[in-house]
């Protein structure tokens, strides 16, 4: 039987495939669809890694905020 984390990994793959599939519509470019899928995947990764990790949580709650902030900054820099 698939565990909670197996299902979330499947959601990440489905979000990226759905983002690429959204680019079939003429109003959505491929990079826009993939950016939307990446946004959903980022939220799922945040859930897996920081909100409900499979190991003991860290002592510093700011580490999660810093990691997510740096990820958003890198995404913004690389997109433009």
Protein backbone atom coordinates (compact mmCIF):
# COMPACT_ATOMS: atom_id res chain seq x y z
CA UNK A 1 0.00 0.00 0.00
CA UNK A 2 1.28 3.45 -0.85
CA UNK A 3 2.22 5.70 2.05
CA UNK A 4 1.38 9.36 2.54
CA UNK A 5 4.73 10.42 1.07
CA UNK A 6 4.31 8.17 -1.97
CA UNK A 7 1.02 9.90 -2.75
CA UNK A 8 2.59 13.33 -2.40
CA UNK A 9 5.42 12.38 -4.76
CA UNK A 10 2.78 11.29 -7.27
CA UNK A 11 1.06 14.68 -6.84
CA UNK A 12 4.34 16.43 -7.71
CA UNK A 13 4.63 14.46 -10.95
CA UNK A 14 0.95 15.03 -11.77
CA UNK A 15 1.30 18.78 -11.19
CA UNK A 16 4.21 19.03 -13.60
CA UNK A 17 2.42 16.93 -16.22
CA UNK A 18 -0.74 19.03 -15.80
CA UNK A 19 1.32 22.20 -16.19
CA UNK A 20 2.85 20.91 -19.41
CA UNK A 21 -0.58 19.75 -20.56
CA UNK A 22 -2.04 23.19 -19.92
CA UNK A 23 0.28 24.55 -22.61
CA UNK A 24 -1.88 22.78 -25.20
CA UNK A 25 -4.29 25.70 -24.78
CA UNK A 26 -3.31 28.54 -27.09
CA UNK A 27 -3.44 31.15 -24.30
CA UNK A 28 -0.85 29.32 -22.16
CA UNK A 29 2.79 29.06 -23.19
CA UNK A 30 4.85 26.04 -22.16
CA UNK A 31 6.97 28.02 -19.70
CA UNK A 32 3.83 29.45 -18.08
CA UNK A 33 2.29 26.01 -17.67
CA UNK A 34 5.49 24.62 -16.20
CA UNK A 35 5.73 27.60 -13.84
CA UNK A 36 2.22 26.83 -12.58
CA UNK A 37 3.11 23.17 -12.12
CA UNK A 38 6.30 24.21 -10.32
CA UNK A 39 4.31 26.40 -7.96
CA UNK A 40 2.07 23.50 -6.97
CA UNK A 41 5.09 21.20 -6.67
CA UNK A 42 6.84 23.73 -4.44
CA UNK A 43 3.87 23.78 -2.08
CA UNK A 44 3.82 19.98 -1.93
CA UNK A 45 7.57 19.88 -1.29
CA UNK A 46 7.11 22.40 1.51
CA UNK A 47 4.52 20.05 3.03
CA UNK A 48 6.81 17.04 2.69
CA UNK A 49 10.05 18.64 3.87
CA UNK A 50 9.04 21.21 6.46
CA UNK A 51 5.45 20.88 7.69
CA UNK A 52 5.28 17.10 7.98
CA UNK A 53 8.78 15.61 7.56
CA UNK A 54 9.36 11.88 7.87
CA UNK A 55 12.07 12.56 10.49
CA UNK A 56 12.36 14.69 13.60
CA UNK A 57 11.63 18.40 12.92
CA UNK A 58 14.41 20.96 13.14
CA UNK A 59 14.77 23.24 16.11
CA UNK A 60 14.80 26.37 13.97
CA UNK A 61 11.44 27.17 12.33
CA UNK A 62 13.07 29.98 10.37
CA UNK A 63 15.13 27.50 8.34
CA UNK A 64 12.03 26.51 6.40
CA UNK A 65 11.16 30.12 5.66
CA UNK A 66 14.68 30.88 4.50
CA UNK A 67 14.77 27.81 2.24
CA UNK A 68 11.43 28.65 0.64
CA UNK A 69 12.41 32.31 0.24
CA UNK A 70 15.68 31.43 -1.46
CA UNK A 71 13.82 29.05 -3.75
CA UNK A 72 11.40 31.78 -4.80
CA UNK A 73 14.27 34.22 -5.32
CA UNK A 74 16.13 31.76 -7.55
CA UNK A 75 12.95 31.06 -9.51
CA UNK A 76 12.35 34.78 -10.06
CA UNK A 77 15.95 35.41 -11.12
CA UNK A 78 16.05 32.46 -13.51
CA UNK A 79 12.71 33.32 -15.14
CA UNK A 80 13.75 36.86 -16.03
